[in-house]
């Protein structure tokens, strides 16, 4: 850049700085008319645009037209593996976890059921010889809970309503022919709702 250009820019900056520092009552007095100020502002704006380039245009984010895939439930890898091992649909396993513990691995019911699928310690120990303390581990809990669903499904000839009711109320209570508790009816409704939800996610 030439010395002349430096001088012009310096002079222009001094003029603008002087004008901004002046009180409003004196801006338009003396030899500086309104038109002179406008011309000065225009020339400074033109010079700035030449030095800095045109101002960057603000981009408007284009809407994402692609449908984002729905997020898989937590512990998806474990659920998928266990579902294949025991022949239980992954969406049903996810629904049981949601309705039993709301995906909290440290959930503990007033009756002592533990973990994600709310497995009773006596069920873990008696049916599967699993140390109840291991039910706090998501991998173990999901394995045991799903294996128990398989046991109940076999017992009730694959009837999903009976399997779910027995899982919640206990097979002895369910097999006795007693009236299904209101809690179990609400539980079955919860399972149906979330089963449909997760079924869409596992497609």
Protein backbone atom coordinates (compact mmCIF):
# COMPACT_ATOMS: atom_id res chain seq x y z
CA UNK A 1 0.00 0.00 0.00
CA UNK A 2 1.37 3.48 -0.90
CA UNK A 3 2.14 6.23 1.58
CA UNK A 4 -0.67 8.26 -0.02
CA UNK A 5 -3.20 5.51 0.80
CA UNK A 6 -1.95 5.34 4.40
CA UNK A 7 -2.34 9.10 4.64
CA UNK A 8 -5.89 9.05 3.26
CA UNK A 9 -6.98 6.32 5.61
CA UNK A 10 -5.31 8.03 8.56
CA UNK A 11 -6.91 11.36 7.72
CA UNK A 12 -10.32 9.77 7.30
CA UNK A 13 -10.06 7.95 10.60
CA UNK A 14 -9.09 11.19 12.34
CA UNK A 15 -12.09 12.98 10.83
CA UNK A 16 -14.51 10.27 11.92
CA UNK A 17 -12.97 10.12 15.39
CA UNK A 18 -13.22 13.90 15.70
CA UNK A 19 -16.87 13.92 14.62
CA UNK A 20 -17.80 11.17 17.08
CA UNK A 21 -16.04 13.03 19.89
CA UNK A 22 -17.84 16.32 19.21
CA UNK A 23 -21.00 17.25 21.10
CA UNK A 24 -24.17 17.07 18.98
CA UNK A 25 -24.68 20.85 19.17
CA UNK A 26 -21.45 21.50 17.27
CA UNK A 27 -21.53 18.72 14.69
CA UNK A 28 -23.41 20.80 12.15
CA UNK A 29 -21.85 24.22 12.86
CA UNK A 30 -19.25 26.18 10.95
CA UNK A 31 -18.12 24.97 7.54
CA UNK A 32 -19.34 21.36 8.03
CA UNK A 33 -22.76 21.12 6.45
CA UNK A 34 -25.04 18.09 6.64
CA UNK A 35 -24.17 17.16 3.05
CA UNK A 36 -20.45 17.26 3.84
CA UNK A 37 -20.95 14.85 6.72
CA UNK A 38 -23.02 12.51 4.53
CA UNK A 39 -20.39 12.56 1.81
CA UNK A 40 -17.66 11.86 4.34
CA UNK A 41 -19.61 8.95 5.77
CA UNK A 42 -20.21 7.55 2.29
CA UNK A 43 -16.55 7.85 1.30
CA UNK A 44 -15.40 6.18 4.52
CA UNK A 45 -17.94 3.38 4.04
CA UNK A 46 -16.77 2.88 0.45
CA UNK A 47 -13.12 2.80 1.50
CA UNK A 48 -13.83 0.32 4.28
CA UNK A 49 -15.71 -1.98 1.90
CA UNK A 50 -12.78 -1.91 -0.54
CA UNK A 51 -10.26 -2.74 2.16
CA UNK A 52 -12.28 -5.38 3.98
CA UNK A 53 -14.32 -6.82 1.13
CA UNK A 54 -18.10 -7.07 1.06
CA UNK A 55 -19.76 -7.92 4.36
CA UNK A 56 -20.40 -11.61 4.83
CA UNK A 57 -23.97 -12.56 4.20
CA UNK A 58 -25.75 -14.19 7.10
CA UNK A 59 -26.57 -17.73 6.17
CA UNK A 60 -29.98 -19.05 6.92
CA UNK A 61 -29.81 -22.63 8.05
CA UNK A 62 -31.67 -24.80 5.62
CA UNK A 63 -34.17 -27.14 7.21
CA UNK A 64 -33.05 -30.70 7.50
CA UNK A 65 -35.31 -32.56 5.15
CA UNK A 66 -33.94 -35.95 6.05
CA UNK A 67 -35.67 -37.82 8.82
CA UNK A 68 -33.26 -38.48 11.63
CA UNK A 69 -33.19 -42.07 12.85
CA UNK A 70 -34.78 -42.56 16.23
CA UNK A 71 -32.36 -43.19 19.05
CA UNK A 72 -32.14 -46.75 20.25
CA UNK A 73 -33.01 -47.49 23.88
CA UNK A 74 -30.17 -47.71 26.42
CA UNK A 75 -28.32 -51.03 26.65
CA UNK A 76 -29.35 -51.76 23.07
CA UNK A 77 -26.42 -54.11 22.34
CA UNK A 78 -27.18 -56.22 25.41
CA UNK A 79 -30.90 -56.31 24.61
CA UNK A 80 -30.31 -57.39 21.03
CA UNK A 81 -27.94 -60.17 22.05
CA UNK A 82 -30.17 -61.44 24.85
CA UNK A 83 -33.26 -61.29 22.62
CA UNK A 84 -31.62 -63.69 20.16
CA UNK A 85 -30.43 -66.01 22.92
CA UNK A 86 -33.84 -66.45 24.54
CA UNK A 87 -36.19 -65.85 21.61
CA UNK A 88 -37.86 -62.82 23.20
CA UNK A 89 -38.46 -59.75 21.06
CA UNK A 90 -36.15 -56.83 21.92
CA UNK A 91 -39.06 -54.39 21.98
CA UNK A 92 -40.75 -56.44 24.70
CA UNK A 93 -37.55 -56.54 26.75
CA UNK A 94 -37.20 -52.77 26.41
CA UNK A 95 -40.84 -52.26 27.39
CA UNK A 96 -40.41 -54.39 30.52
CA UNK A 97 -37.32 -52.41 31.52
CA UNK A 98 -39.13 -49.12 30.94
CA UNK A 99 -42.20 -50.12 32.97
CA UNK A 100 -40.27 -51.88 35.72
CA UNK A 101 -37.45 -49.44 36.48
CA UNK A 102 -37.58 -46.61 33.92
CA UNK A 103 -34.05 -47.64 32.86
CA UNK A 104 -32.54 -47.21 36.33
CA UNK A 105 -30.02 -50.01 37.02
CA UNK A 106 -30.04 -49.25 40.76
CA UNK A 107 -33.85 -49.40 41.14
CA UNK A 108 -35.06 -51.23 44.25
CA UNK A 109 -38.73 -51.97 44.87
CA UNK A 110 -40.33 -52.06 48.33
CA UNK A 111 -40.61 -55.86 47.90
CA UNK A 112 -36.91 -56.19 47.12
CA UNK A 113 -36.91 -56.51 43.31
CA UNK A 114 -33.64 -55.28 41.90
CA UNK A 115 -32.23 -53.53 38.88
CA UNK A 116 -33.44 -52.79 35.38
CA UNK A 117 -35.93 -55.64 35.06
CA UNK A 118 -36.77 -55.71 38.76
CA UNK A 119 -35.76 -59.32 39.32
CA UNK A 120 -36.45 -60.78 42.75
CA UNK A 121 -33.36 -62.16 44.51
CA UNK A 122 -35.12 -65.49 45.15
CA UNK A 123 -35.88 -65.80 41.42
CA UNK A 124 -32.27 -65.12 40.48
CA UNK A 125 -30.97 -67.60 43.05
CA UNK A 126 -33.65 -70.27 42.79
CA UNK A 127 -34.25 -70.36 39.04
CA UNK A 128 -30.82 -69.46 37.68
CA UNK A 129 -28.31 -69.86 40.53
CA UNK A 130 -27.26 -66.24 40.15
CA UNK A 131 -25.93 -64.30 43.12
CA UNK A 132 -28.57 -61.61 43.89
CA UNK A 133 -25.83 -59.01 44.33
CA UNK A 134 -25.06 -59.37 40.61
CA UNK A 135 -28.54 -58.15 39.72
CA UNK A 136 -27.23 -54.59 40.00
CA UNK A 137 -25.13 -55.24 36.89
CA UNK A 138 -27.16 -54.32 33.76
CA UNK A 139 -25.78 -57.19 31.71
CA UNK A 140 -26.63 -59.80 34.35
CA UNK A 141 -30.01 -58.26 35.17
CA UNK A 142 -31.15 -58.18 31.55
CA UNK A 143 -29.98 -61.76 31.01
CA UNK A 144 -31.79 -63.06 34.08
CA UNK A 145 -34.95 -61.01 33.49
CA UNK A 146 -35.18 -62.11 29.86
CA UNK A 147 -34.48 -65.75 30.72
CA UNK A 148 -37.31 -65.54 33.25
CA UNK A 149 -39.63 -64.14 30.57
CA UNK A 150 -38.68 -67.17 28.45
CA UNK A 151 -39.51 -69.56 31.32
CA UNK A 152 -42.90 -67.92 31.81
CA UNK A 153 -43.63 -67.81 28.07
CA UNK A 154 -42.97 -71.56 27.88
CA UNK A 155 -45.17 -72.16 30.90
CA UNK A 156 -48.10 -70.26 29.39
CA UNK A 157 -47.69 -71.55 25.82
CA UNK A 158 -46.41 -68.24 24.52
CA UNK A 159 -49.43 -66.27 25.70
CA UNK A 160 -48.04 -62.72 26.03
CA UNK A 161 -50.77 -61.46 28.36
CA UNK A 162 -50.30 -64.35 30.78
CA UNK A 163 -46.51 -64.06 30.57
CA UNK A 164 -46.53 -60.35 31.41
CA UNK A 165 -49.11 -60.73 34.19
CA UNK A 166 -47.13 -63.56 35.77
CA UNK A 167 -43.89 -61.58 35.49
CA UNK A 168 -45.42 -58.71 37.42
CA UNK A 169 -47.72 -60.47 39.91
CA UNK A 170 -45.71 -63.67 40.28
CA UNK A 171 -46.57 -67.02 38.68
CA UNK A 172 -48.03 -68.53 41.87
CA UNK A 173 -50.41 -65.65 42.38
CA UNK A 174 -51.36 -65.60 38.73
CA UNK A 175 -51.87 -69.39 38.54
CA UNK A 176 -54.10 -69.43 41.62
CA UNK A 177 -56.97 -67.96 39.65
CA UNK A 178 -57.21 -64.96 41.93
CA UNK A 179 -58.35 -61.62 40.57
CA UNK A 180 -55.61 -59.81 38.69
CA UNK A 181 -54.42 -56.88 40.84
CA UNK A 182 -55.09 -53.36 39.60
CA UNK A 183 -51.34 -52.75 39.67
CA UNK A 184 -50.81 -55.63 37.23
CA UNK A 185 -53.53 -54.32 34.92
CA UNK A 186 -51.82 -50.92 34.84
CA UNK A 187 -48.51 -52.68 34.28
CA UNK A 188 -49.90 -54.61 31.30
CA UNK A 189 -51.21 -51.35 29.84
CA UNK A 190 -47.78 -49.77 30.28
CA UNK A 191 -46.14 -52.73 28.53
CA UNK A 192 -48.50 -52.51 25.56
CA UNK A 193 -47.85 -48.80 25.20
CA UNK A 194 -44.08 -49.02 25.31
CA UNK A 195 -43.99 -52.22 23.28
CA UNK A 196 -45.52 -50.32 20.37
CA UNK A 197 -43.11 -47.43 20.93
CA UNK A 198 -39.97 -49.57 20.96
CA UNK A 199 -41.25 -51.75 18.14
CA UNK A 200 -40.99 -48.71 15.88
CA UNK A 201 -37.42 -48.07 17.06
CA UNK A 202 -36.23 -51.62 16.50
CA UNK A 203 -37.50 -51.73 12.89
